[in-house]
Protein backbone atom coordinates (compact mmCIF):
# COMPACT_ATOMS: atom_id res chain seq x y z
CA MET A 1 -84.59 -31.44 32.94
CA LEU A 2 -81.34 -29.61 31.46
CA LYS A 3 -80.97 -27.05 34.58
CA ALA A 4 -80.77 -29.96 36.89
CA LYS A 5 -77.79 -31.59 34.84
CA VAL A 6 -75.79 -28.59 34.93
CA LEU A 7 -76.02 -28.76 38.85
CA LEU A 8 -74.88 -32.29 38.61
CA VAL A 9 -72.12 -31.10 36.92
CA MET A 10 -70.58 -28.30 38.62
CA PRO A 11 -69.99 -30.27 41.77
CA LEU A 12 -67.52 -33.16 40.57
CA LEU A 13 -65.85 -30.58 38.65
CA LEU A 14 -65.32 -28.48 41.55
CA LEU A 15 -63.77 -31.99 43.68
CA GLY A 16 -61.74 -32.43 40.56
CA GLY A 17 -60.41 -28.98 41.11
CA ILE A 18 -59.36 -29.58 44.97
CA ALA A 19 -57.55 -33.17 44.43
CA ALA A 20 -55.28 -31.74 42.13
CA SER A 21 -54.78 -28.56 44.29
CA ASN A 22 -54.10 -31.33 47.14
CA ALA A 23 -51.85 -33.47 45.32
CA ASP A 24 -49.88 -29.85 44.30
CA ASN A 25 -49.38 -29.43 47.54
CA MET A 26 -48.72 -32.91 49.07
CA PRO A 27 -45.17 -32.75 51.57
CA PRO A 28 -42.81 -35.49 49.64
CA ALA A 29 -42.96 -39.35 50.01
CA GLY A 30 -40.98 -41.44 51.92
CA TYR A 31 -40.71 -39.20 55.59
CA VAL A 32 -43.43 -40.12 58.50
CA TYR A 33 -45.84 -37.30 58.99
CA SER A 34 -47.38 -36.26 62.35
CA PRO A 35 -51.01 -37.35 62.00
CA ALA A 36 -52.70 -34.43 63.68
CA SER A 37 -50.53 -31.72 61.00
CA GLY A 38 -50.24 -34.08 57.95
CA SER A 39 -46.65 -32.20 56.54
CA THR A 40 -44.42 -32.01 59.43
CA VAL A 41 -41.60 -34.89 59.59
CA VAL A 42 -41.48 -36.74 62.48
CA LYS A 43 -38.14 -36.62 63.83
CA THR A 44 -35.72 -38.51 66.34
CA SER A 45 -34.68 -37.79 69.93
CA TYR A 46 -31.12 -36.82 68.19
CA ARG A 47 -33.28 -35.26 65.14
CA GLN A 48 -33.05 -37.42 62.66
CA CYS A 49 -36.54 -37.81 60.52
CA LEU A 50 -37.92 -40.87 60.23
CA HIS A 51 -38.19 -42.61 56.65
CA THR A 52 -40.47 -44.47 55.71
CA ALA A 53 -40.08 -47.87 52.87
CA TYR A 54 -39.97 -45.94 50.09
CA TRP A 55 -37.46 -43.60 50.94
CA VAL A 56 -34.88 -42.44 48.26
CA ALA A 57 -32.32 -39.98 48.54
CA ALA A 58 -33.56 -38.20 45.88
CA ASN A 59 -36.53 -37.11 47.64
CA GLY A 60 -34.73 -35.64 50.67
CA ILE A 61 -35.57 -32.53 51.82
CA GLU A 62 -33.43 -29.30 53.46
CA GLU A 63 -35.82 -29.61 56.89
CA CYS A 64 -34.04 -33.02 57.62
CA GLY A 65 -30.69 -32.40 56.43
CA GLU A 66 -30.75 -35.08 53.33
CA ALA A 67 -31.50 -32.77 50.32
CA PRO A 68 -29.75 -33.90 47.37
CA GLU A 69 -27.07 -31.21 45.77
CA LYS A 70 -27.94 -28.76 42.98
CA PRO A 71 -25.66 -29.72 39.55
CA GLU A 72 -23.19 -27.21 40.12
CA GLU A 73 -24.13 -23.99 37.75
CA LYS A 74 -22.27 -23.74 34.45
CA LYS A 75 -22.07 -20.49 32.54
CA TYR A 76 -20.74 -20.67 28.52
CA VAL A 77 -20.00 -17.80 26.48
CA THR A 78 -19.87 -17.95 23.01
CA LYS A 79 -16.19 -17.47 21.05
CA MET A 80 -15.31 -17.04 17.33
CA THR A 81 -12.07 -18.10 16.33
CA SER A 82 -10.67 -17.88 13.05
CA PHE A 83 -7.87 -18.97 10.50
CA MET A 84 -6.33 -19.15 7.73
CA GLU A 85 -5.03 -21.36 4.89
CA SER A 86 -2.90 -20.53 1.91
CA ASP A 87 -1.56 -22.38 -0.87
CA THR A 88 0.01 -21.61 -4.04
CA GLN A 89 -0.46 -25.39 -6.03
CA LEU A 90 -4.06 -25.84 -6.01
CA PHE A 91 -4.26 -24.59 -9.85
CA SER A 92 -1.95 -24.94 -12.91
CA PHE A 93 -0.47 -22.14 -14.69
CA ASN A 94 -3.41 -20.83 -16.54
CA SER A 95 -5.69 -23.17 -15.71
CA PRO A 96 -9.14 -22.81 -13.43
CA GLU A 97 -9.20 -26.44 -13.30
CA LEU A 98 -8.57 -28.10 -9.58
CA SER A 99 -5.30 -29.93 -9.93
CA VAL A 100 -5.09 -33.71 -8.62
CA ALA A 101 -2.87 -32.25 -6.32
CA GLY A 102 -4.93 -29.30 -4.99
CA GLN A 103 -7.61 -31.67 -5.18
CA ALA A 104 -5.98 -33.56 -2.19
CA LYS A 105 -5.50 -30.86 -0.37
CA LEU A 106 -8.79 -29.42 -0.70
CA GLY A 107 -9.80 -33.06 1.02
CA ALA A 108 -7.27 -33.74 4.15
CA PHE A 109 -8.52 -29.43 4.80
CA LEU A 110 -11.99 -30.79 4.78
CA GLU A 111 -11.07 -33.49 6.99
CA ASN A 112 -9.32 -31.09 9.46
CA LEU A 113 -12.53 -29.40 9.91
CA ALA A 114 -14.59 -31.95 10.35
CA LYS A 115 -13.18 -33.19 13.59
CA SER A 116 -13.37 -29.43 14.92
CA SER A 117 -16.12 -29.42 17.74
CA ALA A 118 -17.05 -25.79 16.76
CA ALA A 119 -19.51 -24.88 13.84
CA ILE A 120 -18.45 -23.19 11.17
CA HIS A 121 -19.73 -19.54 11.28
CA SER A 122 -18.60 -18.20 8.01
CA ILE A 123 -15.43 -18.95 5.05
CA THR A 124 -14.49 -16.96 2.83
CA ILE A 125 -12.43 -18.09 -0.27
CA ARG A 126 -10.29 -15.66 -2.28
CA GLY A 127 -8.55 -16.68 -5.49
CA TYR A 128 -5.04 -14.52 -6.84
CA THR A 129 -3.10 -14.09 -10.19
CA ASP A 130 -0.11 -13.40 -10.64
CA MET A 131 0.70 -10.43 -13.41
CA ILE A 132 1.35 -12.19 -16.42
CA GLY A 133 -1.27 -11.77 -18.88
CA GLY A 134 -4.58 -8.77 -18.91
CA VAL A 135 -6.01 -7.58 -15.98
CA ASP A 136 -9.45 -8.61 -17.22
CA TYR A 137 -8.32 -12.00 -17.89
CA ASN A 138 -6.98 -12.80 -14.22
CA GLN A 139 -9.44 -11.31 -12.95
CA ARG A 140 -11.87 -13.55 -14.43
CA LEU A 141 -9.67 -16.68 -13.55
CA SER A 142 -9.25 -15.68 -10.41
CA GLN A 143 -13.12 -15.62 -9.53
CA GLU A 144 -13.30 -19.20 -11.87
CA ARG A 145 -10.47 -20.94 -9.30
CA ALA A 146 -12.70 -19.45 -5.58
CA ASP A 147 -15.65 -20.96 -7.32
CA ALA A 148 -14.42 -24.06 -7.68
CA ILE A 149 -13.01 -24.69 -4.69
CA LYS A 150 -16.51 -23.69 -3.05
CA SER A 151 -18.04 -26.38 -5.49
CA TYR A 152 -15.62 -28.74 -4.24
CA PHE A 153 -16.51 -27.47 -0.49
CA VAL A 154 -20.20 -28.34 -0.86
CA GLU A 155 -19.83 -31.70 -2.93
CA HIS A 156 -17.72 -33.30 -1.24
CA GLY A 157 -17.66 -31.78 2.49
CA GLY A 158 -21.47 -31.17 1.83
CA LEU A 159 -21.26 -27.24 3.84
CA ASN A 160 -23.61 -24.88 3.50
CA PRO A 161 -23.34 -22.37 0.10
CA ASP A 162 -24.70 -19.87 2.14
CA THR A 163 -22.02 -19.81 4.55
CA ILE A 164 -19.50 -19.59 1.62
CA VAL A 165 -18.31 -17.10 0.16
CA ALA A 166 -15.96 -16.81 -3.04
CA GLU A 167 -13.87 -13.54 -4.20
CA GLY A 168 -11.75 -13.15 -7.04
CA MET A 169 -9.09 -10.54 -6.67
CA GLY A 170 -6.99 -10.83 -9.60
CA MET A 171 -3.62 -9.16 -9.37
CA LYS A 172 -4.36 -7.66 -6.42
CA ASN A 173 -1.10 -7.63 -3.69
CA ALA A 174 1.03 -9.80 -6.00
CA THR A 175 4.73 -9.46 -4.87
CA ALA A 176 6.70 -11.87 -7.07
CA SER A 177 5.48 -10.35 -10.36
CA PRO A 178 7.42 -7.31 -10.09
CA GLU A 179 10.51 -8.54 -9.29
CA CYS A 180 9.86 -11.43 -11.94
CA PHE A 181 9.69 -8.59 -14.17
CA LYS A 182 12.81 -7.53 -13.44
CA LYS A 183 14.17 -10.78 -13.94
CA TYR A 184 13.04 -11.39 -16.68
CA GLY A 185 11.04 -9.03 -19.02
CA LYS A 186 7.15 -9.77 -19.91
CA ASP A 187 6.00 -11.70 -22.05
CA ASP A 188 5.55 -9.99 -25.70
CA ILE A 189 2.88 -11.76 -26.63
CA ASP A 190 2.79 -9.28 -29.65
CA LYS A 191 6.08 -10.18 -30.89
CA ILE A 192 5.31 -14.15 -30.35
CA ASN A 193 2.40 -13.97 -32.45
CA SER A 194 3.70 -11.86 -35.47
CA ILE A 195 6.99 -14.27 -35.65
CA THR A 196 4.05 -17.06 -35.41
CA ALA A 197 2.18 -15.45 -38.76
CA ARG A 198 5.42 -14.19 -40.73
CA GLU A 199 6.87 -17.77 -40.08
CA LYS A 200 4.28 -19.47 -42.28
CA THR A 201 5.60 -17.61 -45.29
CA GLN A 202 9.22 -17.65 -44.69
CA PRO A 203 11.68 -19.96 -46.46
CA LYS A 204 13.08 -22.93 -44.97
CA GLU A 205 16.18 -21.52 -43.04
CA GLU A 206 14.13 -18.26 -42.12
CA ARG A 207 11.85 -20.55 -40.19
CA LYS A 208 14.49 -22.57 -38.81
CA LYS A 209 15.73 -19.30 -37.01
CA MET A 210 12.03 -18.18 -36.12
CA ASP A 211 11.42 -21.61 -34.58
CA GLU A 212 15.07 -20.77 -32.27
CA GLU A 213 13.95 -17.33 -31.42
CA LEU A 214 10.56 -18.75 -29.85
CA LYS A 215 12.23 -21.57 -27.82
CA LYS A 216 13.79 -18.66 -26.64
CA PHE A 217 10.72 -16.69 -26.27
CA GLU A 218 9.39 -20.26 -24.20
CA GLN A 219 12.37 -20.85 -21.90
CA LYS A 220 11.48 -17.22 -20.61
CA HIS A 221 8.27 -17.77 -20.29
CA ALA A 222 8.82 -20.66 -18.46
CA GLU A 223 11.23 -19.21 -16.31
CA LEU A 224 8.65 -16.32 -15.47
CA VAL A 225 5.94 -18.65 -14.73
CA ALA A 226 8.04 -20.58 -12.07
CA CYS A 227 9.00 -17.27 -10.65
CA ALA A 228 5.42 -15.30 -10.17
CA ALA A 229 3.81 -18.60 -8.78
CA PRO A 230 3.97 -17.28 -4.99
CA ASP A 231 1.49 -14.86 -6.60
CA ARG A 232 -1.00 -17.63 -8.43
CA ARG A 233 -2.62 -18.33 -4.57
CA VAL A 234 -5.74 -19.29 -2.63
CA GLU A 235 -6.40 -17.60 1.22
CA ILE A 236 -9.06 -19.39 2.87
CA SER A 237 -10.76 -18.17 6.11
CA VAL A 238 -12.37 -19.80 8.42
CA GLU A 239 -14.65 -18.05 11.23
CA GLN A 240 -16.00 -20.91 13.79
CA THR A 241 -18.20 -20.43 16.69
CA LYS A 242 -17.87 -22.46 20.13
CA GLN A 243 -19.07 -22.72 23.28
CA GLU A 244 -16.43 -22.31 26.73
CA GLU A 245 -17.14 -22.56 30.02
CA VAL A 246 -16.46 -19.40 32.09
CA PRO A 247 -16.51 -19.01 35.69
CA VAL A 248 -19.70 -18.30 37.46
CA GLU A 249 -19.27 -14.66 38.93
């Protein structure tokens, strides 16, 4: 009995395979075909193909000169573009905290970035300081500033942190500071600290003289800070990729 059931099923499977094969080879619908061949389109004496009521332009064939136009072939290449922004007003002197003006500038920067149709490939943030203060301190300060901008981009711009590199460059490439030192001299921090320490033990008249001396240092310091401002900058480099159409050869 088991063998008989198997024999009955096999012919059905074969018939199904034949039906599927015929469906794949059927000529386009909408044309009148010769009964003899079933696949030859009947044409008028003017060589025009006869249509049925089901003919649509999308089913047109080349034999009848009615094949739909093929869409124009297009070729695209990925191009890399880059630009850089440099700003000296994102942070207050000696501070790693973004200023109010700095946050507004970065917000506008993110808005312009969002309007671009290009995809962000990478962003590099480099923080720089002037030469006022120690090397190690300025290196740390520049890194904290670069990190602050990266955090702002991630939190307020929704950018992927993996595409952003933040680098502290310290006093590298400082060009204004050397000229400012020539003009105003370097801050003599040790001397200021010495005067401040001695001032507490001096008579009133002597303290008054010391206060005047300290004010001179404060004025010189303020002028030096303003002069070296161009060195306290942040550079933001953005690399983007964009699909551009090129002629098909």
